[in-house]
Amino acid sequence: MNDYFTLSVTYKNKEKEYQATLLQQGYSYKIIVLIGELEVYFEPDEERKLRVVTMPGQDEKYLNNLDKNLLSAISEKIEEVIK
C-alpha cells in the first residue's frame, strides 16, 4: 500500500512543496520524494534517522549533485511528519 502526501519544506527562507510517497516494504518503509523530475528515496538507518539511498537504474550523478542541505531539510521534515 502506498500513501501519497505533500511536504512543505522551508529552505533558504523559501517554502516549497514536494510530493512524497510512503512505500511500505514488510516491516520497513521508504519515503519517495519528487525533487524536480528525480525520485529521491529516503529510508531509516540503524538509528532510525532517514538517509538517502540510491535505487537501481537511478542517475547517481544527478543525485550526488543535489543540495545536501536541502536533502537534510527534507529528511528533518519527514521525521517531523512521521512521529
PDB file of N, CA and C in Angstrom:
ATOM      1  N   MET A   1       0.842  -1.184   0.000  1.00  0.00           N
ATOM      2  CA  MET A   1       0.000   0.000   0.000  1.00  0.00           C
ATOM      3  C   MET A   1       0.886   1.246   0.000  1.00  0.00           C
ATOM      4  N   ASN A   2       0.583   2.186  -0.846  1.00  0.00           N
ATOM      5  CA  ASN A   2       1.320   3.437  -0.936  1.00  0.00           C
ATOM      6  C   ASN A   2       0.422   4.583  -0.487  1.00  0.00           C
ATOM      7  N   ASP A   3       0.985   5.460   0.336  1.00  0.00           N
ATOM      8  CA  ASP A   3       0.270   6.652   0.773  1.00  0.00           C
ATOM      9  C   ASP A   3       0.984   7.868   0.216  1.00  0.00           C
ATOM     10  N   TYR A   4       0.220   8.771  -0.393  1.00  0.00           N
ATOM     11  CA  TYR A   4       0.765   9.974  -1.011  1.00  0.00           C
ATOM     12  C   TYR A   4       0.491  11.170  -0.103  1.00  0.00           C
ATOM     13  N   PHE A   5       1.460  12.093  -0.031  1.00  0.00           N
ATOM     14  CA  PHE A   5       1.281  13.300   0.767  1.00  0.00           C
ATOM     15  C   PHE A   5       2.195  14.398   0.231  1.00  0.00           C
ATOM     16  N   THR A   6       1.981  15.605   0.702  1.00  0.00           N
ATOM     17  CA  THR A   6       2.776  16.754   0.299  1.00  0.00           C
ATOM     18  C   THR A   6       3.597  17.232   1.485  1.00  0.00           C
ATOM     19  N   LEU A   7       4.871  17.471   1.255  1.00  0.00           N
ATOM     20  CA  LEU A   7       5.762  18.008   2.278  1.00  0.00           C
ATOM     21  C   LEU A   7       5.990  19.491   2.012  1.00  0.00           C
ATOM     22  N   SER A   8       5.755  20.320   3.002  1.00  0.00           N
ATOM     23  CA  SER A   8       6.079  21.752   2.899  1.00  0.00           C
ATOM     24  C   SER A   8       7.384  21.970   3.639  1.00  0.00           C
ATOM     25  N   VAL A   9       8.423  22.320   2.900  1.00  0.00           N
ATOM     26  CA  VAL A   9       9.759  22.467   3.470  1.00  0.00           C
ATOM     27  C   VAL A   9      10.215  23.908   3.297  1.00  0.00           C
ATOM     28  N   THR A  10      10.674  24.502   4.386  1.00  0.00           N
ATOM     29  CA  THR A  10      11.256  25.840   4.331  1.00  0.00           C
ATOM     30  C   THR A  10      12.767  25.670   4.256  1.00  0.00           C
ATOM     31  N   TYR A  11      13.349  26.213   3.185  1.00  0.00           N
ATOM     32  CA  TYR A  11      14.780  26.110   2.969  1.00  0.00           C
ATOM     33  C   TYR A  11      15.261  27.406   2.330  1.00  0.00           C
ATOM     34  N   LYS A  12      16.273  27.985   2.916  1.00  0.00           N
ATOM     35  CA  LYS A  12      16.810  29.279   2.470  1.00  0.00           C
ATOM     36  C   LYS A  12      15.704  30.337   2.432  1.00  0.00           C
ATOM     37  N   ASN A  13      14.913  30.355   3.486  1.00  0.00           N
ATOM     38  CA  ASN A  13      13.826  31.318   3.682  1.00  0.00           C
ATOM     39  C   ASN A  13      12.736  31.238   2.616  1.00  0.00           C
ATOM     40  N   LYS A  14      12.652  30.138   1.922  1.00  0.00           N
ATOM     41  CA  LYS A  14      11.595  29.933   0.936  1.00  0.00           C
ATOM     42  C   LYS A  14      10.878  28.639   1.263  1.00  0.00           C
ATOM     43  N   GLU A  15       9.563  28.662   1.143  1.00  0.00           N
ATOM     44  CA  GLU A  15       8.790  27.450   1.380  1.00  0.00           C
ATOM     45  C   GLU A  15       8.450  26.814   0.039  1.00  0.00           C
ATOM     46  N   LYS A  16       8.705  25.534  -0.053  1.00  0.00           N
ATOM     47  CA  LYS A  16       8.431  24.797  -1.276  1.00  0.00           C
ATOM     48  C   LYS A  16       7.739  23.494  -0.919  1.00  0.00           C
ATOM     49  N   GLU A  17       6.873  23.048  -1.806  1.00  0.00           N
ATOM     50  CA  GLU A  17       6.160  21.804  -1.570  1.00  0.00           C
ATOM     51  C   GLU A  17       6.725  20.705  -2.457  1.00  0.00           C
ATOM     52  N   TYR A  18       6.848  19.526  -1.870  1.00  0.00           N
ATOM     53  CA  TYR A  18       7.345  18.355  -2.577  1.00  0.00           C
ATOM     54  C   TYR A  18       6.325  17.228  -2.435  1.00  0.00           C
ATOM     55  N   GLN A  19       6.085  16.525  -3.513  1.00  0.00           N
ATOM     56  CA  GLN A  19       5.199  15.371  -3.482  1.00  0.00           C
ATOM     57  C   GLN A  19       5.991  14.184  -2.936  1.00  0.00           C
ATOM     58  N   ALA A  20       5.375  13.439  -2.041  1.00  0.00           N
ATOM     59  CA  ALA A  20       6.051  12.309  -1.414  1.00  0.00           C
ATOM     60  C   ALA A  20       5.126  11.102  -1.371  1.00  0.00           C
ATOM     61  N   THR A  21       5.748   9.949  -1.286  1.00  0.00           N
ATOM     62  CA  THR A  21       5.017   8.692  -1.229  1.00  0.00           C
ATOM     63  C   THR A  21       5.634   7.813  -0.151  1.00  0.00           C
ATOM     64  N   LEU A  22       4.783   7.230   0.679  1.00  0.00           N
ATOM     65  CA  LEU A  22       5.231   6.250   1.656  1.00  0.00           C
ATOM     66  C   LEU A  22       5.121   4.883   1.002  1.00  0.00           C
ATOM     67  N   LEU A  23       6.236   4.190   0.899  1.00  0.00           N
ATOM     68  CA  LEU A  23       6.277   2.875   0.285  1.00  0.00           C
ATOM     69  C   LEU A  23       6.597   1.855   1.377  1.00  0.00           C
ATOM     70  N   GLN A  24       5.601   1.094   1.806  1.00  0.00           N
ATOM     71  CA  GLN A  24       5.799   0.109   2.862  1.00  0.00           C
ATOM     72  C   GLN A  24       6.344  -1.176   2.259  1.00  0.00           C
ATOM     73  N   GLN A  25       7.363  -1.724   2.933  1.00  0.00           N
ATOM     74  CA  GLN A  25       8.002  -2.955   2.470  1.00  0.00           C
ATOM     75  C   GLN A  25       8.171  -3.887   3.668  1.00  0.00           C
ATOM     76  N   GLY A  26       7.185  -4.719   3.912  1.00  0.00           N
ATOM     77  CA  GLY A  26       7.242  -5.613   5.070  1.00  0.00           C
ATOM     78  C   GLY A  26       7.265  -4.801   6.352  1.00  0.00           C
ATOM     79  N   TYR A  27       8.321  -4.987   7.140  1.00  0.00           N
ATOM     80  CA  TYR A  27       8.437  -4.258   8.405  1.00  0.00           C
ATOM     81  C   TYR A  27       9.175  -2.935   8.253  1.00  0.00           C
ATOM     82  N   SER A  28       9.604  -2.623   7.059  1.00  0.00           N
ATOM     83  CA  SER A  28      10.337  -1.391   6.812  1.00  0.00           C
ATOM     84  C   SER A  28       9.570  -0.524   5.822  1.00  0.00           C
ATOM     85  N   TYR A  29      10.150   0.617   5.486  1.00  0.00           N
ATOM     86  CA  TYR A  29       9.500   1.530   4.550  1.00  0.00           C
ATOM     87  C   TYR A  29      10.537   2.419   3.889  1.00  0.00           C
ATOM     88  N   LYS A  30      10.122   3.033   2.812  1.00  0.00           N
ATOM     89  CA  LYS A  30      10.897   4.079   2.148  1.00  0.00           C
ATOM     90  C   LYS A  30       9.947   5.243   1.902  1.00  0.00           C
ATOM     91  N   ILE A  31      10.488   6.431   1.919  1.00  0.00           N
ATOM     92  CA  ILE A  31       9.749   7.632   1.537  1.00  0.00           C
ATOM     93  C   ILE A  31      10.365   8.097   0.227  1.00  0.00           C
ATOM     94  N   ILE A  32       9.527   8.241  -0.781  1.00  0.00           N
ATOM     95  CA  ILE A  32       9.990   8.707  -2.085  1.00  0.00           C
ATOM     96  C   ILE A  32       9.551  10.157  -2.232  1.00  0.00           C
ATOM     97  N   VAL A  33      10.504  11.051  -2.446  1.00  0.00           N
ATOM     98  CA  VAL A  33      10.220  12.475  -2.593  1.00  0.00           C
ATOM     99  C   VAL A  33      10.620  12.892  -4.004  1.00  0.00           C
ATOM    100  N   LEU A  34       9.711  13.566  -4.680  1.00  0.00           N
ATOM    101  CA  LEU A  34       9.973  14.045  -6.030  1.00  0.00           C
ATOM    102  C   LEU A  34      10.611  15.432  -5.953  1.00  0.00           C
ATOM    103  N   ILE A  35      11.886  15.505  -6.362  1.00  0.00           N
ATOM    104  CA  ILE A  35      12.621  16.772  -6.390  1.00  0.00           C
ATOM    105  C   ILE A  35      12.924  17.044  -7.855  1.00  0.00           C
ATOM    106  N   GLY A  36      12.265  18.035  -8.402  1.00  0.00           N
ATOM    107  CA  GLY A  36      12.355  18.251  -9.843  1.00  0.00           C
ATOM    108  C   GLY A  36      11.721  17.055 -10.525  1.00  0.00           C
ATOM    109  N   GLU A  37      12.482  16.380 -11.347  1.00  0.00           N
ATOM    110  CA  GLU A  37      11.979  15.180 -12.018  1.00  0.00           C
ATOM    111  C   GLU A  37      12.593  13.904 -11.446  1.00  0.00           C
ATOM    112  N   LEU A  38      13.370  14.053 -10.367  1.00  0.00           N
ATOM    113  CA  LEU A  38      14.077  12.915  -9.786  1.00  0.00           C
ATOM    114  C   LEU A  38      13.360  12.419  -8.537  1.00  0.00           C
ATOM    115  N   GLU A  39      13.159  11.103  -8.469  1.00  0.00           N
ATOM    116  CA  GLU A  39      12.627  10.493  -7.253  1.00  0.00           C
ATOM    117  C   GLU A  39      13.801  10.219  -6.322  1.00  0.00           C
ATOM    118  N   VAL A  40      13.735  10.790  -5.113  1.00  0.00           N
ATOM    119  CA  VAL A  40      14.777  10.587  -4.117  1.00  0.00           C
ATOM    120  C   VAL A  40      14.198   9.689  -3.031  1.00  0.00           C
ATOM    121  N   TYR A  41      14.914   8.606  -2.731  1.00  0.00           N
ATOM    122  CA  TYR A  41      14.447   7.611  -1.773  1.00  0.00           C
ATOM    123  C   TYR A  41      15.118   7.822  -0.424  1.00  0.00           C
ATOM    124  N   PHE A  42      14.303   7.911   0.607  1.00  0.00           N
ATOM    125  CA  PHE A  42      14.789   8.013   1.975  1.00  0.00           C
ATOM    126  C   PHE A  42      14.369   6.737   2.702  1.00  0.00           C
ATOM    127  N   GLU A  43      15.273   6.198   3.536  1.00  0.00           N
ATOM    128  CA  GLU A  43      14.916   5.050   4.353  1.00  0.00           C
ATOM    129  C   GLU A  43      15.566   5.207   5.722  1.00  0.00           C
ATOM    130  N   PRO A  44      14.990   4.580   6.745  1.00  0.00           N
ATOM    131  CA  PRO A  44      15.588   4.692   8.079  1.00  0.00           C
ATOM    132  C   PRO A  44      16.863   3.866   8.180  1.00  0.00           C
ATOM    133  N   ASP A  45      17.854   4.430   8.888  1.00  0.00           N
ATOM    134  CA  ASP A  45      19.080   3.675   9.126  1.00  0.00           C
ATOM    135  C   ASP A  45      18.967   2.956  10.475  1.00  0.00           C
ATOM    136  N   GLU A  46      20.079   2.435  10.975  1.00  0.00           N
ATOM    137  CA  GLU A  46      20.072   1.670  12.216  1.00  0.00           C
ATOM    138  C   GLU A  46      19.637   2.500  13.434  1.00  0.00           C
ATOM    139  N   GLU A  47      19.850   3.798  13.356  1.00  0.00           N
ATOM    140  CA  GLU A  47      19.482   4.705  14.456  1.00  0.00           C
ATOM    141  C   GLU A  47      18.126   5.352  14.234  1.00  0.00           C
ATOM    142  N   ARG A  48      17.379   4.867  13.228  1.00  0.00           N
ATOM    143  CA  ARG A  48      16.044   5.360  12.886  1.00  0.00           C
ATOM    144  C   ARG A  48      16.066   6.777  12.318  1.00  0.00           C
ATOM    145  N   LYS A  49      17.230   7.244  11.872  1.00  0.00           N
ATOM    146  CA  LYS A  49      17.345   8.514  11.161  1.00  0.00           C
ATOM    147  C   LYS A  49      17.209   8.206   9.681  1.00  0.00           C
ATOM    148  N   LEU A  50      16.678   9.144   8.927  1.00  0.00           N
ATOM    149  CA  LEU A  50      16.498   8.908   7.495  1.00  0.00           C
ATOM    150  C   LEU A  50      17.767   9.215   6.719  1.00  0.00           C
ATOM    151  N   ARG A  51      18.034   8.372   5.742  1.00  0.00           N
ATOM    152  CA  ARG A  51      19.169   8.579   4.850  1.00  0.00           C
ATOM    153  C   ARG A  51      18.692   8.423   3.414  1.00  0.00           C
ATOM    154  N   VAL A  52      19.412   9.048   2.488  1.00  0.00           N
ATOM    155  CA  VAL A  52      19.099   8.928   1.067  1.00  0.00           C
ATOM    156  C   VAL A  52      19.772   7.657   0.553  1.00  0.00           C
ATOM    157  N   VAL A  53      19.028   6.883  -0.218  1.00  0.00           N
ATOM    158  CA  VAL A  53      19.582   5.671  -0.819  1.00  0.00           C
ATOM    159  C   VAL A  53      19.424   5.740  -2.336  1.00  0.00           C
ATOM    160  N   THR A  54      20.363   5.120  -3.024  1.00  0.00           N
ATOM    161  CA  THR A  54      20.315   5.051  -4.478  1.00  0.00           C
ATOM    162  C   THR A  54      19.616   3.765  -4.881  1.00  0.00           C
ATOM    163  N   MET A  55      18.692   3.883  -5.794  1.00  0.00           N
ATOM    164  CA  MET A  55      17.962   2.722  -6.281  1.00  0.00           C
ATOM    165  C   MET A  55      18.546   2.290  -7.629  1.00  0.00           C
ATOM    166  N   PRO A  56      18.431   1.006  -7.973  1.00  0.00           N
ATOM    167  CA  PRO A  56      18.941   0.528  -9.260  1.00  0.00           C
ATOM    168  C   PRO A  56      18.331   1.318 -10.425  1.00  0.00           C
ATOM    169  N   GLY A  57      19.174   1.687 -11.362  1.00  0.00           N
ATOM    170  CA  GLY A  57      18.718   2.426 -12.535  1.00  0.00           C
ATOM    171  C   GLY A  57      18.614   3.931 -12.321  1.00  0.00           C
ATOM    172  N   GLN A  58      18.899   4.379 -11.113  1.00  0.00           N
ATOM    173  CA  GLN A  58      18.790   5.803 -10.810  1.00  0.00           C
ATOM    174  C   GLN A  58      20.078   6.520 -11.232  1.00  0.00           C
ATOM    175  N   ASP A  59      19.949   7.750 -11.688  1.00  0.00           N
ATOM    176  CA  ASP A  59      21.095   8.544 -12.122  1.00  0.00           C
ATOM    177  C   ASP A  59      21.844   9.066 -10.894  1.00  0.00           C
ATOM    178  N   GLU A  60      22.899   8.341 -10.502  1.00  0.00           N
ATOM    179  CA  GLU A  60      23.652   8.703  -9.301  1.00  0.00           C
ATOM    180  C   GLU A  60      24.344  10.058  -9.442  1.00  0.00           C
ATOM    181  N   LYS A  61      24.765  10.396 -10.631  1.00  0.00           N
ATOM    182  CA  LYS A  61      25.451  11.675 -10.856  1.00  0.00           C
ATOM    183  C   LYS A  61      24.514  12.838 -10.516  1.00  0.00           C
ATOM    184  N   TYR A  62      23.269  12.765 -10.990  1.00  0.00           N
ATOM    185  CA  TYR A  62      22.300  13.822 -10.699  1.00  0.00           C
ATOM    186  C   TYR A  62      21.968  13.835  -9.211  1.00  0.00           C
ATOM    187  N   LEU A  63      21.823  12.659  -8.631  1.00  0.00           N
ATOM    188  CA  LEU A  63      21.518  12.554  -7.203  1.00  0.00           C
ATOM    189  C   LEU A  63      22.634  13.169  -6.366  1.00  0.00           C
ATOM    190  N   ASN A  64      23.878  12.910  -6.738  1.00  0.00           N
ATOM    191  CA  ASN A  64      25.022  13.455  -5.994  1.00  0.00           C
ATOM    192  C   ASN A  64      25.147  14.964  -6.141  1.00  0.00           C
ATOM    193  N   ASN A  65      24.534  15.537  -7.183  1.00  0.00           N
ATOM    194  CA  ASN A  65      24.595  16.984  -7.393  1.00  0.00           C
ATOM    195  C   ASN A  65      23.505  17.743  -6.642  1.00  0.00           C
ATOM    196  N   LEU A  66      22.565  17.030  -6.032  1.00  0.00           N
ATOM    197  CA  LEU A  66      21.514  17.709  -5.270  1.00  0.00           C
ATOM    198  C   LEU A  66      22.118  18.368  -4.036  1.00  0.00           C
ATOM    199  N   ASP A  67      21.542  19.472  -3.637  1.00  0.00           N
ATOM    200  CA  ASP A  67      21.990  20.221  -2.464  1.00  0.00           C
ATOM    201  C   ASP A  67      21.816  19.359  -1.213  1.00  0.00           C
ATOM    202  N   LYS A  68      22.924  19.022  -0.565  1.00  0.00           N
ATOM    203  CA  LYS A  68      22.889  18.153   0.625  1.00  0.00           C
ATOM    204  C   LYS A  68      22.102  18.795   1.765  1.00  0.00           C
ATOM    205  N   ASN A  69      22.160  20.114   1.869  1.00  0.00           N
ATOM    206  CA  ASN A  69      21.408  20.798   2.920  1.00  0.00           C
ATOM    207  C   ASN A  69      19.905  20.732   2.654  1.00  0.00           C
ATOM    208  N   LEU A  70      19.523  20.772   1.390  1.00  0.00           N
ATOM    209  CA  LEU A  70      18.112  20.608   1.039  1.00  0.00           C
ATOM    210  C   LEU A  70      17.651  19.203   1.402  1.00  0.00           C
ATOM    211  N   LEU A  71      18.459  18.200   1.071  1.00  0.00           N
ATOM    212  CA  LEU A  71      18.106  16.820   1.421  1.00  0.00           C
ATOM    213  C   LEU A  71      17.973  16.656   2.931  1.00  0.00           C
ATOM    214  N   SER A  72      18.841  17.315   3.672  1.00  0.00           N
ATOM    215  CA  SER A  72      18.776  17.270   5.135  1.00  0.00           C
ATOM    216  C   SER A  72      17.494  17.925   5.644  1.00  0.00           C
ATOM    217  N   ALA A  73      17.119  19.061   5.059  1.00  0.00           N
ATOM    218  CA  ALA A  73      15.886  19.755   5.459  1.00  0.00           C
ATOM    219  C   ALA A  73      14.663  18.893   5.148  1.00  0.00           C
ATOM    220  N   ILE A  74      14.669  18.214   4.013  1.00  0.00           N
ATOM    221  CA  ILE A  74      13.555  17.334   3.653  1.00  0.00           C
ATOM    222  C   ILE A  74      13.505  16.156   4.621  1.00  0.00           C
ATOM    223  N   SER A  75      14.651  15.587   4.923  1.00  0.00           N
ATOM    224  CA  SER A  75      14.724  14.465   5.866  1.00  0.00           C
ATOM    225  C   SER A  75      14.169  14.854   7.234  1.00  0.00           C
ATOM    226  N   GLU A  76      14.572  16.029   7.723  1.00  0.00           N
ATOM    227  CA  GLU A  76      14.074  16.510   9.022  1.00  0.00           C
ATOM    228  C   GLU A  76      12.563  16.707   8.993  1.00  0.00           C
ATOM    229  N   LYS A  77      12.050  17.220   7.890  1.00  0.00           N
ATOM    230  CA  LYS A  77      10.603  17.428   7.768  1.00  0.00           C
ATOM    231  C   LYS A  77       9.861  16.093   7.763  1.00  0.00           C
ATOM    232  N   ILE A  78      10.401  15.119   7.055  1.00  0.00           N
ATOM    233  CA  ILE A  78       9.771  13.793   7.036  1.00  0.00           C
ATOM    234  C   ILE A  78       9.737  13.215   8.448  1.00  0.00           C
ATOM    235  N   GLU A  79      10.865  13.298   9.152  1.00  0.00           N
ATOM    236  CA  GLU A  79      10.929  12.772  10.521  1.00  0.00           C
ATOM    237  C   GLU A  79       9.892  13.467  11.408  1.00  0.00           C
ATOM    238  N   GLU A  80       9.716  14.763  11.206  1.00  0.00           N
ATOM    239  CA  GLU A  80       8.730  15.519  11.979  1.00  0.00           C
ATOM    240  C   GLU A  80       7.309  15.038  11.673  1.00  0.00           C
ATOM    241  N   VAL A  81       7.040  14.742  10.419  1.00  0.00           N
ATOM    242  CA  VAL A  81       5.702  14.325   9.993  1.00  0.00           C
ATOM    243  C   VAL A  81       5.353  12.909  10.465  1.00  0.00           C
ATOM    244  N   ILE A  82       6.338  12.005  10.415  1.00  0.00           N
ATOM    245  CA  ILE A  82       6.028  10.608  10.731  1.00  0.00           C
ATOM    246  C   ILE A  82       6.067  10.285  12.221  1.00  0.00           C
ATOM    247  N   LYS A  83       6.462  11.217  13.048  1.00  0.00           N
ATOM    248  CA  LYS A  83       6.477  10.949  14.503  1.00  0.00           C
ATOM    249  C   LYS A  83       5.128  11.117  15.107  1.00  0.00           C
TER     250      LYS A  83
END
